[in-house]
Amino acid sequence: MTRYIVNIPSVEEASVFSARIQKMPFDVDLHSGRTVIDAKSVLGLIYFGVGRNAFLEAHTDRKADQEMLEEAVRDYLVQDDQMARVI
């Protein structure tokens, strides 16, 4: 399993983010606290809330899958200095 911290800044970006994640041939979840949603669901992303940091978990151990996911979410990855704001 691979884990990243991401931030989806707006509802419009949630749609773009979801479209990118839907191309992944493995399960991807987004979670914060006890809430876990399917990251491929645009409605789930909107319900989850935009503009906050969350963990993105990819259910794969293949290096090629990890690289593909990193490329897809590169615009949403949180930098190290922003990590403390994960809720």
N, C-alpha and C. Protein backbone atom coordinates (compact mmCIF):
# COMPACT_ATOMS: atom_id res chain seq x y z
N MET A 1 0.84 -1.16 0.00
CA MET A 1 0.00 0.00 0.00
C MET A 1 0.90 1.24 0.00
N THR A 2 0.52 2.22 -0.80
CA THR A 2 1.26 3.47 -0.92
C THR A 2 0.40 4.58 -0.36
N ARG A 3 1.02 5.52 0.36
CA ARG A 3 0.27 6.59 1.00
C ARG A 3 0.88 7.95 0.67
N TYR A 4 -0.01 8.90 0.34
CA TYR A 4 0.40 10.27 0.05
C TYR A 4 -0.51 11.23 0.82
N ILE A 5 -0.08 12.45 0.97
CA ILE A 5 -0.94 13.50 1.52
C ILE A 5 -1.28 14.42 0.36
N VAL A 6 -2.60 14.64 0.17
CA VAL A 6 -3.07 15.46 -0.94
C VAL A 6 -4.02 16.53 -0.43
N ASN A 7 -4.22 17.54 -1.27
CA ASN A 7 -5.18 18.60 -1.00
C ASN A 7 -5.89 18.91 -2.30
N ILE A 8 -7.20 18.78 -2.31
CA ILE A 8 -8.02 19.10 -3.48
C ILE A 8 -8.66 20.46 -3.18
N PRO A 9 -8.24 21.52 -3.87
CA PRO A 9 -8.60 22.88 -3.46
C PRO A 9 -10.02 23.34 -3.77
N SER A 10 -10.72 22.71 -4.71
CA SER A 10 -12.05 23.22 -5.08
C SER A 10 -12.92 22.09 -5.64
N VAL A 11 -14.21 22.37 -5.78
CA VAL A 11 -15.13 21.40 -6.34
C VAL A 11 -14.75 21.08 -7.79
N GLU A 12 -14.35 22.10 -8.54
CA GLU A 12 -13.94 21.88 -9.92
C GLU A 12 -12.73 20.95 -9.99
N GLU A 13 -11.79 21.15 -9.11
CA GLU A 13 -10.60 20.29 -9.06
C GLU A 13 -10.95 18.88 -8.59
N ALA A 14 -11.99 18.73 -7.79
CA ALA A 14 -12.42 17.40 -7.35
C ALA A 14 -12.83 16.56 -8.55
N SER A 15 -13.47 17.19 -9.52
CA SER A 15 -13.88 16.50 -10.73
C SER A 15 -12.66 16.05 -11.55
N VAL A 16 -11.68 16.93 -11.67
CA VAL A 16 -10.45 16.61 -12.40
C VAL A 16 -9.69 15.50 -11.68
N PHE A 17 -9.56 15.64 -10.37
CA PHE A 17 -8.86 14.65 -9.55
C PHE A 17 -9.51 13.28 -9.71
N SER A 18 -10.83 13.23 -9.58
CA SER A 18 -11.56 11.97 -9.69
C SER A 18 -11.36 11.33 -11.06
N ALA A 19 -11.40 12.13 -12.11
CA ALA A 19 -11.22 11.61 -13.47
C ALA A 19 -9.83 10.98 -13.62
N ARG A 20 -8.83 11.59 -13.02
CA ARG A 20 -7.48 11.02 -13.09
C ARG A 20 -7.39 9.72 -12.32
N ILE A 21 -7.99 9.68 -11.13
CA ILE A 21 -7.93 8.49 -10.28
C ILE A 21 -8.72 7.34 -10.89
N GLN A 22 -9.81 7.64 -11.60
CA GLN A 22 -10.62 6.59 -12.20
C GLN A 22 -9.85 5.77 -13.22
N LYS A 23 -8.78 6.31 -13.75
CA LYS A 23 -7.95 5.59 -14.72
C LYS A 23 -7.04 4.55 -14.08
N MET A 24 -6.94 4.57 -12.76
CA MET A 24 -6.04 3.65 -12.07
C MET A 24 -6.68 2.26 -12.01
N PRO A 25 -5.91 1.21 -12.33
CA PRO A 25 -6.46 -0.15 -12.32
C PRO A 25 -6.43 -0.82 -10.94
N PHE A 26 -6.44 -0.02 -9.89
CA PHE A 26 -6.41 -0.53 -8.52
C PHE A 26 -7.26 0.41 -7.67
N ASP A 27 -7.59 -0.03 -6.46
CA ASP A 27 -8.40 0.78 -5.55
C ASP A 27 -7.58 1.91 -4.95
N VAL A 28 -8.23 3.07 -4.80
CA VAL A 28 -7.60 4.24 -4.20
C VAL A 28 -8.60 4.85 -3.23
N ASP A 29 -8.20 5.03 -1.98
CA ASP A 29 -9.07 5.61 -0.96
C ASP A 29 -8.50 6.95 -0.49
N LEU A 30 -9.39 7.78 0.00
CA LEU A 30 -9.01 9.06 0.60
C LEU A 30 -9.56 9.03 2.02
N HIS A 31 -8.71 9.36 3.00
CA HIS A 31 -9.24 9.35 4.36
C HIS A 31 -8.64 10.43 5.23
N SER A 32 -9.44 10.79 6.20
CA SER A 32 -9.07 11.77 7.22
C SER A 32 -9.82 11.38 8.48
N GLY A 33 -9.09 11.16 9.55
CA GLY A 33 -9.72 10.68 10.77
C GLY A 33 -10.34 9.32 10.54
N ARG A 34 -11.63 9.17 10.87
CA ARG A 34 -12.31 7.89 10.68
C ARG A 34 -13.09 7.83 9.38
N THR A 35 -13.07 8.89 8.60
CA THR A 35 -13.81 8.93 7.34
C THR A 35 -12.95 8.40 6.21
N VAL A 36 -13.47 7.44 5.47
CA VAL A 36 -12.78 6.86 4.32
C VAL A 36 -13.75 6.86 3.14
N ILE A 37 -13.29 7.35 1.99
CA ILE A 37 -14.11 7.34 0.78
C ILE A 37 -13.32 6.77 -0.38
N ASP A 38 -14.04 6.35 -1.39
CA ASP A 38 -13.44 5.90 -2.64
C ASP A 38 -12.99 7.14 -3.41
N ALA A 39 -11.71 7.28 -3.67
CA ALA A 39 -11.18 8.47 -4.34
C ALA A 39 -11.61 8.56 -5.80
N LYS A 40 -12.20 7.51 -6.33
CA LYS A 40 -12.68 7.54 -7.71
C LYS A 40 -14.08 8.15 -7.82
N SER A 41 -14.71 8.43 -6.69
CA SER A 41 -16.07 8.96 -6.66
C SER A 41 -16.05 10.48 -6.51
N VAL A 42 -16.48 11.20 -7.54
CA VAL A 42 -16.50 12.65 -7.46
C VAL A 42 -17.49 13.12 -6.41
N LEU A 43 -18.62 12.45 -6.27
CA LEU A 43 -19.58 12.82 -5.23
C LEU A 43 -19.00 12.58 -3.84
N GLY A 44 -18.26 11.48 -3.70
CA GLY A 44 -17.59 11.21 -2.44
C GLY A 44 -16.58 12.29 -2.09
N LEU A 45 -15.84 12.74 -3.09
CA LEU A 45 -14.85 13.80 -2.87
C LEU A 45 -15.51 15.09 -2.44
N ILE A 46 -16.62 15.43 -3.07
CA ILE A 46 -17.33 16.66 -2.71
C ILE A 46 -17.90 16.53 -1.29
N TYR A 47 -18.49 15.38 -0.98
CA TYR A 47 -19.01 15.13 0.36
C TYR A 47 -17.89 15.20 1.40
N PHE A 48 -16.76 14.63 1.07
CA PHE A 48 -15.61 14.57 1.97
C PHE A 48 -15.14 15.98 2.33
N GLY A 49 -15.22 16.87 1.36
CA GLY A 49 -14.81 18.25 1.60
C GLY A 49 -13.56 18.59 0.84
N VAL A 50 -13.54 19.75 0.26
CA VAL A 50 -12.38 20.21 -0.49
C VAL A 50 -11.64 21.26 0.33
N GLY A 51 -10.40 21.48 -0.04
CA GLY A 51 -9.59 22.49 0.63
C GLY A 51 -8.93 22.05 1.91
N ARG A 52 -8.89 20.76 2.15
CA ARG A 52 -8.20 20.29 3.36
C ARG A 52 -7.28 19.13 3.00
N ASN A 53 -6.28 18.94 3.80
CA ASN A 53 -5.33 17.86 3.57
C ASN A 53 -5.94 16.53 3.99
N ALA A 54 -5.61 15.48 3.24
CA ALA A 54 -6.10 14.14 3.55
C ALA A 54 -5.09 13.12 3.05
N PHE A 55 -5.21 11.90 3.56
CA PHE A 55 -4.34 10.82 3.12
C PHE A 55 -4.96 10.13 1.90
N LEU A 56 -4.14 9.87 0.91
CA LEU A 56 -4.53 9.12 -0.27
C LEU A 56 -3.81 7.79 -0.20
N GLU A 57 -4.56 6.70 -0.20
CA GLU A 57 -3.96 5.37 -0.12
C GLU A 57 -4.25 4.58 -1.37
N ALA A 58 -3.20 4.10 -2.00
CA ALA A 58 -3.31 3.26 -3.19
C ALA A 58 -3.09 1.81 -2.77
N HIS A 59 -4.02 0.96 -3.12
CA HIS A 59 -3.95 -0.45 -2.74
C HIS A 59 -3.21 -1.24 -3.82
N THR A 60 -1.92 -0.96 -3.89
CA THR A 60 -1.03 -1.65 -4.82
C THR A 60 0.40 -1.56 -4.30
N ASP A 61 1.18 -2.54 -4.62
CA ASP A 61 2.60 -2.52 -4.25
C ASP A 61 3.49 -2.50 -5.48
N ARG A 62 2.89 -2.46 -6.66
CA ARG A 62 3.67 -2.45 -7.90
C ARG A 62 4.28 -1.07 -8.13
N LYS A 63 5.55 -1.03 -8.42
CA LYS A 63 6.28 0.22 -8.66
C LYS A 63 5.68 1.00 -9.84
N ALA A 64 5.31 0.32 -10.91
CA ALA A 64 4.73 0.99 -12.07
C ALA A 64 3.41 1.67 -11.71
N ASP A 65 2.59 1.02 -10.87
CA ASP A 65 1.33 1.61 -10.42
C ASP A 65 1.58 2.86 -9.58
N GLN A 66 2.56 2.78 -8.70
CA GLN A 66 2.89 3.92 -7.84
C GLN A 66 3.34 5.11 -8.67
N GLU A 67 4.17 4.86 -9.67
CA GLU A 67 4.64 5.94 -10.53
C GLU A 67 3.49 6.56 -11.33
N MET A 68 2.58 5.72 -11.82
CA MET A 68 1.43 6.20 -12.55
C MET A 68 0.54 7.08 -11.66
N LEU A 69 0.33 6.67 -10.43
CA LEU A 69 -0.48 7.44 -9.49
C LEU A 69 0.20 8.76 -9.13
N GLU A 70 1.50 8.72 -8.87
CA GLU A 70 2.23 9.95 -8.55
C GLU A 70 2.12 10.97 -9.67
N GLU A 71 2.21 10.52 -10.89
CA GLU A 71 2.08 11.42 -12.03
C GLU A 71 0.67 12.01 -12.09
N ALA A 72 -0.33 11.19 -11.82
CA ALA A 72 -1.72 11.64 -11.90
C ALA A 72 -2.07 12.67 -10.81
N VAL A 73 -1.49 12.52 -9.63
CA VAL A 73 -1.86 13.41 -8.51
C VAL A 73 -0.78 14.44 -8.19
N ARG A 74 0.20 14.56 -9.03
CA ARG A 74 1.32 15.47 -8.78
C ARG A 74 0.85 16.89 -8.39
N ASP A 75 -0.18 17.39 -9.05
CA ASP A 75 -0.67 18.75 -8.79
C ASP A 75 -1.34 18.89 -7.42
N TYR A 76 -1.66 17.77 -6.79
CA TYR A 76 -2.41 17.80 -5.52
C TYR A 76 -1.58 17.37 -4.32
N LEU A 77 -0.35 16.93 -4.54
CA LEU A 77 0.50 16.48 -3.44
C LEU A 77 0.85 17.65 -2.52
N VAL A 78 0.83 17.38 -1.23
CA VAL A 78 1.16 18.37 -0.23
C VAL A 78 2.66 18.32 0.04
N GLN A 79 3.26 19.48 0.09
CA GLN A 79 4.69 19.58 0.35
C GLN A 79 4.97 19.28 1.82
N ASP A 80 6.21 18.92 2.15
CA ASP A 80 6.59 18.54 3.51
C ASP A 80 6.25 19.60 4.55
N ASP A 81 6.40 20.87 4.22
CA ASP A 81 6.14 21.93 5.19
C ASP A 81 4.65 22.11 5.49
N GLN A 82 3.77 21.48 4.72
CA GLN A 82 2.33 21.57 4.94
C GLN A 82 1.76 20.33 5.59
N MET A 83 2.59 19.34 5.89
CA MET A 83 2.11 18.06 6.39
C MET A 83 1.45 18.16 7.74
N ALA A 84 1.82 19.09 8.57
CA ALA A 84 1.27 19.19 9.91
C ALA A 84 -0.22 19.53 9.91
N ARG A 85 -0.74 19.95 8.78
CA ARG A 85 -2.13 20.35 8.74
C ARG A 85 -3.08 19.22 8.34
N VAL A 86 -2.64 17.99 8.39
CA VAL A 86 -3.54 16.87 8.09
C VAL A 86 -4.51 16.70 9.23
N ILE A 87 -5.77 16.61 8.88
CA ILE A 87 -6.82 16.49 9.92
C ILE A 87 -7.25 15.04 10.00
